[in-house]
């Protein structure tokens, strides 16, 4: 199984703006010095994010995260600790509205106060069971309520609701796997750690695309096979094209160097993991970017190859900070909206402008592949229409949405695509991905001839274009 490390899952990523102090927690059952009861935290209560299908219960001592869908309510985290989730910060906009923001997310999430606990999330209504039919009901309804791309993928989801009658304890995950693979969506997943289940909807299609130009012993059948070809490809690049002379960041996420005297090269393997924690992710990333761009400025390069073929996604804002180093001016780069009931949230524009002391805005080739996914695709989406950018390679995965995660009553986690990204002109690249406009620039990521001849046809085509 090929497993993307995709855009950080968003089970619910909120950190309270302030916390009850140790003293208050210690004396919570006591009265204050003036004889009055201690003031209750104004955040306490039940809060709903309709677009995410989340209810958060803030209460003294323990917070709880619930998931809701048409089938009912389940607990995603009965001891929810906000600070463990992706650096989000909670702000009380007014007494009935909370706003969640994070440096690692391009979007805020709005929560509205519920006057009473949601009826489906009352203690005696919450599903916590291994019953396969109850779990199937939740699975089917999570997608029916929140999944965005049935029409795009030409799928009639309603026809699969009747599979409930066939589900048993023994075949439960077989049925879910079958449904997941129908979607062919790299951002749809099912994970049950207790039962060693990890299903990624996009795996069969990804394998098919990666193997399209391979034969014999080079055919990829599992993660180890992919890793072997990945390493061989990377070794060819750094030895043959960079001459063994390159720089790499401390966490080994990004490689850069020179091809000849005037062509820069960057391999960006991921859009996450540059810092040691959520709070220093962007600071650490930008320190790497400053060093890399200073190196290119000092070398006086006149063109650049950005290799996104190995990129497995990550945080949107990591991608956007990278994009900013190649922008000549601020531009509306993309739009995004989320499924909400029978419609969508506001289609919000996002702009990216130059950042840092030096931006490279001369000829750029971006290399793409079927493995390029998520925040890696967002990077490509933001740059593809700039007059100095050309794409070489293959179409990307076609999975852009930040993953919405819900938990089934049996504890398994389900990942769902619930957002639509479009470019500045309103074009959507979900499913089809982003690739070269001209046929002559379509070059496979993996091919038997490349491995046998120890070359990289994508690199060769990029260099050819830059030299013309």
Protein backbone atom coordinates (compact mmCIF):
# COMPACT_ATOMS: atom_id res chain seq x y z
CA UNK A 1 0.00 0.00 0.00
CA UNK A 2 1.25 3.45 -0.92
CA UNK A 3 0.44 5.91 1.86
CA UNK A 4 0.61 9.65 1.28
CA UNK A 5 1.52 11.84 4.22
CA UNK A 6 -1.21 14.25 3.40
CA UNK A 7 -2.38 17.54 4.59
CA UNK A 8 -2.64 17.54 8.34
CA UNK A 9 -5.90 16.03 9.42
CA UNK A 10 -8.32 18.41 11.05
CA UNK A 11 -10.21 16.44 13.70
CA UNK A 12 -10.67 19.76 15.43
CA UNK A 13 -7.83 22.16 15.86
CA UNK A 14 -8.56 24.76 18.49
CA UNK A 15 -6.55 26.08 21.40
CA UNK A 16 -8.33 28.13 24.00
CA UNK A 17 -7.13 31.69 24.17
CA UNK A 18 -6.81 31.52 27.89
CA UNK A 19 -6.96 28.79 30.50
CA UNK A 20 -8.15 28.59 34.04
CA UNK A 21 -5.12 29.15 36.25
CA UNK A 22 -3.74 26.52 38.57
CA UNK A 23 -5.09 28.42 41.52
CA UNK A 24 -8.60 28.50 40.10
CA UNK A 25 -8.47 24.80 39.25
CA UNK A 26 -7.27 24.08 42.79
CA UNK A 27 -10.05 26.13 44.34
CA UNK A 28 -12.78 25.43 41.80
CA UNK A 29 -15.11 24.07 44.45
CA UNK A 30 -14.38 26.95 46.80
CA UNK A 31 -15.82 30.43 46.97
CA UNK A 32 -13.70 33.48 46.20
CA UNK A 33 -12.33 35.73 48.96
CA UNK A 34 -15.32 38.04 48.78
CA UNK A 35 -17.71 35.17 49.48
CA UNK A 36 -19.00 34.97 45.88
CA UNK A 37 -18.74 31.82 43.76
CA UNK A 38 -15.79 31.87 41.30
CA UNK A 39 -16.63 33.32 37.91
CA UNK A 40 -17.43 30.69 35.29
CA UNK A 41 -15.27 30.54 32.17
CA UNK A 42 -17.32 32.30 29.43
CA UNK A 43 -16.20 29.63 26.96
CA UNK A 44 -18.05 26.90 28.82
CA UNK A 45 -20.97 25.33 27.02
CA UNK A 46 -21.68 23.63 23.72
CA UNK A 47 -20.42 25.04 20.42
CA UNK A 48 -21.31 23.91 16.90
CA UNK A 49 -19.33 24.08 13.67
CA UNK A 50 -21.96 23.08 11.13
CA UNK A 51 -19.53 22.88 8.20
CA UNK A 52 -17.29 20.47 10.11
CA UNK A 53 -20.02 18.49 11.85
CA UNK A 54 -18.33 19.13 15.20
CA UNK A 55 -19.75 19.95 18.61
CA UNK A 56 -17.30 21.01 21.27
CA UNK A 57 -18.24 20.91 24.93
CA UNK A 58 -16.12 23.20 27.08
CA UNK A 59 -16.51 22.49 30.78
CA UNK A 60 -14.38 22.76 33.88
CA UNK A 61 -11.83 19.99 34.09
CA UNK A 62 -12.52 18.13 30.84
CA UNK A 63 -13.51 19.15 27.30
CA UNK A 64 -15.23 16.79 24.86
CA UNK A 65 -15.27 16.74 21.06
CA UNK A 66 -18.33 15.22 19.38
CA UNK A 67 -19.00 14.34 15.75
CA UNK A 68 -22.52 14.64 14.35
CA UNK A 69 -24.09 13.33 11.17
CA UNK A 70 -27.60 12.36 10.12
CA UNK A 71 -27.19 8.95 11.76
CA UNK A 72 -26.39 10.44 15.15
CA UNK A 73 -23.54 11.51 17.41
CA UNK A 74 -20.25 9.92 18.39
CA UNK A 75 -17.39 11.02 20.61
CA UNK A 76 -14.16 11.80 18.79
CA UNK A 77 -12.25 12.71 21.93
CA UNK A 78 -13.70 12.37 25.42
CA UNK A 79 -10.70 14.11 26.99
CA UNK A 80 -10.03 16.75 24.38
CA UNK A 81 -6.89 18.81 25.00
CA UNK A 82 -6.99 21.76 22.61
CA UNK A 83 -3.28 22.60 22.73
CA UNK A 84 -2.43 19.22 21.21
CA UNK A 85 -4.06 20.13 17.88
CA UNK A 86 -2.13 22.05 15.26
CA UNK A 87 -1.56 25.36 16.97
CA UNK A 88 -5.14 26.65 16.76
CA UNK A 89 -6.18 29.51 18.99
CA UNK A 90 -9.66 30.16 20.27
CA UNK A 91 -11.16 33.66 20.34
CA UNK A 92 -14.52 34.61 21.81
CA UNK A 93 -15.89 36.90 19.08
CA UNK A 94 -19.02 37.55 21.08
CA UNK A 95 -21.01 35.61 23.64
CA UNK A 96 -22.47 33.36 20.94
CA UNK A 97 -19.56 32.99 18.51
CA UNK A 98 -16.09 31.47 18.72
CA UNK A 99 -13.43 31.81 16.05
CA UNK A 100 -10.62 29.28 15.67
CA UNK A 101 -7.44 30.41 13.88
CA UNK A 102 -3.95 29.01 13.41
CA UNK A 103 -0.78 30.04 11.62
CA UNK A 104 -0.85 26.57 10.07
CA UNK A 105 -4.30 26.97 8.51
CA UNK A 106 -5.32 29.39 5.79
CA UNK A 107 -8.91 29.46 7.11
CA UNK A 108 -10.68 30.27 10.33
CA UNK A 109 -13.45 28.07 11.68
CA UNK A 110 -16.56 29.64 13.19
CA UNK A 111 -18.46 28.01 16.06
CA UNK A 112 -21.83 29.14 17.33
CA UNK A 113 -23.10 28.61 20.85
CA UNK A 114 -25.86 26.07 21.34
CA UNK A 115 -28.48 27.06 23.87
CA UNK A 116 -28.84 23.39 24.84
CA UNK A 117 -26.88 20.26 24.22
CA UNK A 118 -27.59 18.84 20.75
CA UNK A 119 -30.37 16.24 21.21
CA UNK A 120 -28.40 13.56 19.35
CA UNK A 121 -25.42 14.10 21.69
CA UNK A 122 -27.23 13.51 24.96
CA UNK A 123 -25.43 10.84 27.01
CA UNK A 124 -28.03 8.15 26.29
CA UNK A 125 -28.02 8.94 22.56
CA UNK A 126 -24.29 8.77 21.86
CA UNK A 127 -23.25 5.74 19.86
CA UNK A 128 -20.27 3.79 21.22
CA UNK A 129 -20.58 0.32 19.79
CA UNK A 130 -18.94 -2.34 17.62
CA UNK A 131 -22.28 -3.10 15.95
CA UNK A 132 -21.34 -3.19 12.24
CA UNK A 133 -24.70 -1.89 11.04
CA UNK A 134 -24.63 1.12 13.37
CA UNK A 135 -21.08 1.87 12.28
CA UNK A 136 -22.03 1.51 8.62
CA UNK A 137 -24.90 3.97 9.14
CA UNK A 138 -22.45 6.53 10.52
CA UNK A 139 -19.91 5.88 7.75
CA UNK A 140 -22.44 6.26 4.94
CA UNK A 141 -23.98 9.39 6.47
CA UNK A 142 -20.63 11.07 7.20
CA UNK A 143 -19.98 10.99 3.46
CA UNK A 144 -23.55 11.76 2.50
CA UNK A 145 -23.51 14.84 4.77
CA UNK A 146 -19.99 16.13 4.18
CA UNK A 147 -18.31 14.68 1.07
CA UNK A 148 -18.06 17.19 -1.77
CA UNK A 149 -17.15 15.29 -4.93
CA UNK A 150 -19.77 12.64 -5.69
CA UNK A 151 -20.89 14.48 -8.82
CA UNK A 152 -17.32 15.28 -9.87
CA UNK A 153 -16.43 11.61 -9.58
CA UNK A 154 -19.71 10.49 -11.19
CA UNK A 155 -20.81 8.46 -8.16
CA UNK A 156 -24.37 7.85 -7.00
CA UNK A 157 -23.74 7.41 -3.28
CA UNK A 158 -27.38 6.61 -2.52
CA UNK A 159 -27.15 3.23 -4.22
CA UNK A 160 -24.69 2.00 -1.60
CA UNK A 161 -26.85 2.71 1.45
CA UNK A 162 -28.48 -0.72 1.06
CA UNK A 163 -25.11 -2.43 1.70
CA UNK A 164 -26.01 -1.99 5.36
CA UNK A 165 -28.07 -5.17 5.15
CA UNK A 166 -25.01 -7.17 4.07
CA UNK A 167 -22.57 -5.87 6.68
CA UNK A 168 -21.34 -8.27 9.37
CA UNK A 169 -18.60 -8.17 11.97
CA UNK A 170 -16.38 -10.24 9.68
CA UNK A 171 -16.82 -8.26 6.45
CA UNK A 172 -17.26 -4.73 7.87
CA UNK A 173 -13.91 -3.32 6.77
CA UNK A 174 -14.03 -5.19 3.46
CA UNK A 175 -17.25 -3.37 2.63
CA UNK A 176 -15.85 0.00 3.72
CA UNK A 177 -12.68 -0.60 1.71
CA UNK A 178 -14.75 -1.37 -1.38
CA UNK A 179 -16.68 1.90 -0.96
CA UNK A 180 -13.51 3.89 -0.31
CA UNK A 181 -11.83 2.56 -3.46
CA UNK A 182 -14.86 3.54 -5.54
CA UNK A 183 -14.12 7.17 -4.66
CA UNK A 184 -10.44 7.02 -5.79
CA UNK A 185 -9.75 10.02 -3.55
CA UNK A 186 -6.30 10.43 -2.00
CA UNK A 187 -7.86 12.41 0.86
CA UNK A 188 -10.35 9.70 1.85
CA UNK A 189 -9.11 7.24 4.44
CA UNK A 190 -10.19 4.77 7.11
CA UNK A 191 -7.91 4.04 10.05
CA UNK A 192 -8.51 1.66 12.94
CA UNK A 193 -5.27 1.31 14.88
CA UNK A 194 -6.67 -1.30 17.26
CA UNK A 195 -7.41 -3.64 14.34
CA UNK A 196 -4.38 -2.64 12.24
CA UNK A 197 -6.61 -1.21 9.49
CA UNK A 198 -5.28 1.53 7.20
CA UNK A 199 -7.19 2.15 3.98
CA UNK A 200 -6.44 4.98 1.57
CA UNK A 201 -9.00 5.48 -1.15
CA UNK A 202 -6.44 6.78 -3.66
CA UNK A 203 -3.94 3.91 -3.42
CA UNK A 204 -5.12 1.70 -6.30
CA UNK A 205 -5.30 4.64 -8.73
CA UNK A 206 -1.92 5.97 -7.60
CA UNK A 207 -0.28 2.59 -8.12
CA UNK A 208 -1.85 2.33 -11.55
CA UNK A 209 -0.46 5.72 -12.56
CA UNK A 210 3.01 5.15 -11.10
CA UNK A 211 3.28 1.77 -12.83
CA UNK A 212 2.07 2.99 -16.23
CA UNK A 213 5.61 3.27 -17.62
CA UNK A 214 7.30 0.54 -15.56
CA UNK A 215 7.75 -3.12 -16.37
CA UNK A 216 9.28 -6.32 -15.00
CA UNK A 217 11.01 -6.12 -11.65
CA UNK A 218 10.41 -2.36 -11.50
CA UNK A 219 6.64 -2.72 -11.03
CA UNK A 220 5.57 -1.20 -7.71
CA UNK A 221 3.49 -3.48 -5.49
CA UNK A 222 3.98 -1.98 -2.04
CA UNK A 223 5.52 0.86 -0.05
CA UNK A 224 8.97 -0.75 -0.03
CA UNK A 225 8.98 -0.94 -3.83
CA UNK A 226 8.06 2.72 -4.06
CA UNK A 227 10.72 3.72 -1.53
CA UNK A 228 13.39 1.87 -3.51
CA UNK A 229 12.53 3.70 -6.74
CA UNK A 230 12.13 6.99 -4.88
CA UNK A 231 15.65 6.66 -3.45
CA UNK A 232 17.13 5.61 -6.77
CA UNK A 233 15.50 8.58 -8.50
CA UNK A 234 16.72 11.02 -5.84
CA UNK A 235 20.23 9.55 -5.99
CA UNK A 236 20.34 10.03 -9.77
CA UNK A 237 19.33 13.68 -9.37
CA UNK A 238 21.88 14.61 -6.71
CA UNK A 239 24.77 12.72 -8.33
CA UNK A 240 24.22 13.20 -12.07
CA UNK A 241 22.52 16.60 -12.14
CA UNK A 242 23.83 18.31 -8.98
CA UNK A 243 27.25 16.68 -9.13
CA UNK A 244 26.94 15.52 -5.54
CA UNK A 245 27.12 19.10 -4.30
CA UNK A 246 23.90 20.19 -2.59
CA UNK A 247 22.44 21.65 0.59
CA UNK A 248 19.77 20.03 2.74
CA UNK A 249 17.79 21.41 5.67
CA UNK A 250 18.29 20.05 9.17
CA UNK A 251 15.15 17.92 9.04
CA UNK A 252 15.91 16.65 5.50
CA UNK A 253 12.73 17.94 3.89
CA UNK A 254 14.27 20.12 1.19
CA UNK A 255 17.35 19.85 -1.07
CA UNK A 256 18.81 22.64 -3.18
CA UNK A 257 21.83 23.16 -5.37
CA UNK A 258 23.07 24.19 -8.82
CA UNK A 259 22.91 22.54 -12.21
CA UNK A 260 25.79 24.11 -14.07
CA UNK A 261 26.48 27.74 -13.32
CA UNK A 262 23.12 29.42 -13.81
CA UNK A 263 20.33 26.92 -13.05
CA UNK A 264 19.08 26.45 -9.51
CA UNK A 265 17.36 23.27 -8.35
CA UNK A 266 15.01 22.68 -5.37
CA UNK A 267 13.48 19.36 -4.32
CA UNK A 268 10.60 19.96 -1.89
CA UNK A 269 9.62 16.62 -0.37
CA UNK A 270 6.93 17.80 2.05
CA UNK A 271 4.92 20.76 3.33
CA UNK A 272 5.27 19.86 7.01
CA UNK A 273 7.82 18.95 9.65
CA UNK A 274 10.20 21.91 9.37
CA UNK A 275 9.82 22.76 13.04
CA UNK A 276 9.87 20.66 16.17
CA UNK A 277 6.27 21.53 17.05
CA UNK A 278 3.27 23.45 15.74
CA UNK A 279 4.34 26.74 17.30
CA UNK A 280 7.70 26.97 15.52
CA UNK A 281 6.80 25.31 12.20
CA UNK A 282 6.65 28.49 10.11
CA UNK A 283 9.56 30.17 11.88
CA UNK A 284 11.77 27.16 11.21
CA UNK A 285 10.54 26.90 7.62
CA UNK A 286 11.30 30.53 6.85
CA UNK A 287 14.78 30.23 8.32
CA UNK A 288 15.42 27.44 5.79
CA UNK A 289 13.86 29.47 2.98
CA UNK A 290 15.99 32.53 3.88
CA UNK A 291 19.16 30.45 3.71
CA UNK A 292 18.19 28.82 0.43
CA UNK A 293 17.17 32.06 -1.27
CA UNK A 294 20.33 33.81 -0.04
CA UNK A 295 22.35 30.99 -1.62
CA UNK A 296 20.57 31.45 -4.93
CA UNK A 297 20.92 35.23 -4.80
CA UNK A 298 24.66 34.91 -4.16
CA UNK A 299 25.10 32.41 -7.00
CA UNK A 300 23.37 34.67 -9.52
CA UNK A 301 21.19 31.99 -11.07
CA UNK A 302 19.09 32.98 -14.08
CA UNK A 303 16.58 30.11 -14.00
CA UNK A 304 15.22 27.54 -11.57
CA UNK A 305 13.77 24.03 -11.41
CA UNK A 306 11.38 23.32 -8.51
CA UNK A 307 10.86 19.57 -8.13
CA UNK A 308 7.46 18.79 -6.59
CA UNK A 309 7.30 15.20 -7.86
CA UNK A 310 8.15 13.70 -4.46
CA UNK A 311 5.88 16.01 -2.45
CA UNK A 312 3.46 14.32 -0.06
CA UNK A 313 1.57 17.40 1.17
CA UNK A 314 1.29 19.00 4.59
CA UNK A 315 0.15 22.40 5.83
CA UNK A 316 -1.37 24.94 3.43
CA UNK A 317 0.41 27.88 5.04
CA UNK A 318 3.78 26.13 4.66
CA UNK A 319 3.02 25.88 0.95
CA UNK A 320 1.99 29.55 0.82
CA UNK A 321 5.16 30.74 2.56
CA UNK A 322 7.13 28.80 -0.04
CA UNK A 323 5.05 30.31 -2.84
CA UNK A 324 5.81 33.80 -1.54
CA UNK A 325 9.49 33.38 -2.40
CA UNK A 326 8.58 33.17 -6.10
CA UNK A 327 5.94 35.91 -6.37
CA UNK A 328 6.62 39.14 -8.28
CA UNK A 329 3.61 40.89 -6.71
CA UNK A 330 0.61 40.13 -4.54
CA UNK A 331 -2.04 38.21 -6.45
CA UNK A 332 -5.29 36.39 -5.75
CA UNK A 333 -3.97 32.85 -6.00
CA UNK A 334 -6.96 30.63 -5.24
CA UNK A 335 -10.48 30.34 -3.81
CA UNK A 336 -11.88 27.86 -1.31
CA UNK A 337 -15.31 26.86 -0.01
CA UNK A 338 -16.64 24.00 2.13
CA UNK A 339 -19.75 21.86 1.91
CA UNK A 340 -22.50 23.10 4.22
CA UNK A 341 -25.79 21.24 4.10
CA UNK A 342 -27.08 21.28 0.53
CA UNK A 343 -24.83 24.20 -0.38
CA UNK A 344 -21.45 25.71 0.45
CA UNK A 345 -19.81 28.27 2.65
CA UNK A 346 -18.67 31.56 1.11
CA UNK A 347 -16.17 31.05 -1.71
CA UNK A 348 -13.28 32.90 -0.09
CA UNK A 349 -10.33 34.34 -2.07
CA UNK A 350 -6.75 33.91 -0.83
CA UNK A 351 -3.89 36.18 -1.89
CA UNK A 352 -0.15 35.59 -1.77
CA UNK A 353 2.51 38.26 -2.10
CA UNK A 354 6.32 38.43 -2.02
CA UNK A 355 8.07 37.57 1.23
CA UNK A 356 11.72 37.63 2.30
CA UNK A 357 14.69 39.66 1.13
CA UNK A 358 14.91 37.96 -2.28
CA UNK A 359 12.27 36.47 -4.55
CA UNK A 360 13.19 34.54 -7.68
CA UNK A 361 10.89 35.64 -10.52
CA UNK A 362 12.78 34.65 -13.64
CA UNK A 363 12.19 31.45 -15.63
CA UNK A 364 10.91 28.61 -13.42
CA UNK A 365 10.09 25.00 -14.31
CA UNK A 366 7.88 23.10 -11.84
CA UNK A 367 8.15 19.30 -12.06
CA UNK A 368 4.96 17.43 -11.05
CA UNK A 369 3.91 13.79 -10.72
CA UNK A 370 0.96 11.58 -9.67
CA UNK A 371 2.47 11.56 -6.17
CA UNK A 372 2.23 15.36 -5.81
CA UNK A 373 -0.74 15.85 -3.51
CA UNK A 374 -2.59 18.27 -1.26
CA UNK A 375 -0.48 21.23 -0.11
CA UNK A 376 2.00 20.25 -2.82
CA UNK A 377 -0.79 20.77 -5.32
CA UNK A 378 -1.74 24.07 -3.70
CA UNK A 379 1.84 25.28 -4.22
CA UNK A 380 1.55 24.36 -7.90
CA UNK A 381 -1.92 25.91 -8.18
CA UNK A 382 -0.66 29.26 -6.89
CA UNK A 383 2.28 29.46 -9.31
CA UNK A 384 1.09 27.72 -12.47
CA UNK A 385 -0.32 30.80 -14.25
CA UNK A 386 2.58 33.16 -13.60
CA UNK A 387 4.13 34.26 -16.92
CA UNK A 388 7.56 32.94 -15.96
CA UNK A 389 6.40 29.47 -14.81
CA UNK A 390 6.13 26.28 -16.92
CA UNK A 391 5.01 22.84 -15.69
CA UNK A 392 6.79 19.66 -16.83
CA UNK A 393 5.91 16.11 -15.81
CA UNK A 394 2.53 14.48 -15.13
CA UNK A 395 -0.74 15.62 -13.62
CA UNK A 396 -0.79 15.81 -9.84
CA UNK A 397 -3.05 13.60 -7.69
CA UNK A 398 -6.08 15.90 -7.75
CA UNK A 399 -6.82 15.95 -3.99
CA UNK A 400 -6.78 19.45 -2.52
CA UNK A 401 -9.22 19.57 0.41
CA UNK A 402 -7.98 19.78 3.96
CA UNK A 403 -9.10 16.48 5.43
CA UNK A 404 -12.17 16.53 7.65
CA UNK A 405 -11.92 13.68 10.15
CA UNK A 406 -14.78 12.03 11.97
CA UNK A 407 -14.77 9.05 14.31
CA UNK A 408 -17.07 6.06 13.96
CA UNK A 409 -18.82 4.64 17.05
CA UNK A 410 -16.23 1.82 17.10
CA UNK A 411 -13.36 4.34 17.32
CA UNK A 412 -12.16 4.10 13.72
CA UNK A 413 -11.20 7.41 12.11
CA UNK A 414 -12.58 8.43 8.72
CA UNK A 415 -11.05 11.12 6.51
CA UNK A 416 -13.33 13.05 4.12
CA UNK A 417 -12.80 15.70 1.43
CA UNK A 418 -15.28 18.49 2.17
CA UNK A 419 -13.68 21.56 0.50
CA UNK A 420 -13.40 22.80 -3.08
CA UNK A 421 -10.27 24.68 -4.14
CA UNK A 422 -10.25 26.61 -7.41
CA UNK A 423 -7.64 28.73 -9.13
CA UNK A 424 -7.85 32.50 -9.58
CA UNK A 425 -10.03 31.98 -12.68
CA UNK A 426 -12.42 29.67 -10.84
CA UNK A 427 -11.18 26.42 -12.40
CA UNK A 428 -11.32 23.30 -10.22
CA UNK A 429 -8.57 20.66 -10.52
CA UNK A 430 -9.96 18.07 -8.11
CA UNK A 431 -9.72 14.56 -9.60
CA UNK A 432 -7.87 15.67 -12.77
CA UNK A 433 -4.92 17.35 -11.04
CA UNK A 434 -2.58 20.00 -12.45
CA UNK A 435 -0.15 19.16 -15.24
CA UNK A 436 1.67 20.45 -18.31
CA UNK A 437 -0.31 22.39 -20.89
CA UNK A 438 1.76 21.09 -23.81
CA UNK A 439 2.04 17.42 -24.72
CA UNK A 440 5.79 17.68 -25.30
CA UNK A 441 6.21 18.63 -21.65
CA UNK A 442 4.46 15.50 -20.42
CA UNK A 443 7.19 13.27 -19.01
CA UNK A 444 6.58 10.29 -16.68
CA UNK A 445 7.89 10.43 -13.12
CA UNK A 446 8.90 6.76 -13.16
CA UNK A 447 9.85 4.90 -16.35
CA UNK A 448 11.80 1.73 -16.98
CA UNK A 449 14.06 3.47 -19.49
CA UNK A 450 15.04 6.16 -16.99
CA UNK A 451 16.01 3.62 -14.34
CA UNK A 452 17.86 1.42 -16.80
CA UNK A 453 19.79 4.36 -18.29
CA UNK A 454 20.27 6.11 -14.92
CA UNK A 455 18.76 9.36 -16.14
CA UNK A 456 15.77 11.61 -15.36
CA UNK A 457 13.78 12.55 -18.44
CA UNK A 458 11.81 15.18 -16.51
CA UNK A 459 15.02 16.93 -15.50
CA UNK A 460 16.33 16.64 -19.05
CA UNK A 461 13.20 18.25 -20.48
CA UNK A 462 13.29 21.06 -17.89
CA UNK A 463 16.94 21.84 -18.67
CA UNK A 464 16.21 21.77 -22.39
CA UNK A 465 13.40 24.30 -22.00
CA UNK A 466 15.49 26.61 -19.82
CA UNK A 467 18.39 26.55 -22.27
CA UNK A 468 16.23 27.50 -25.27
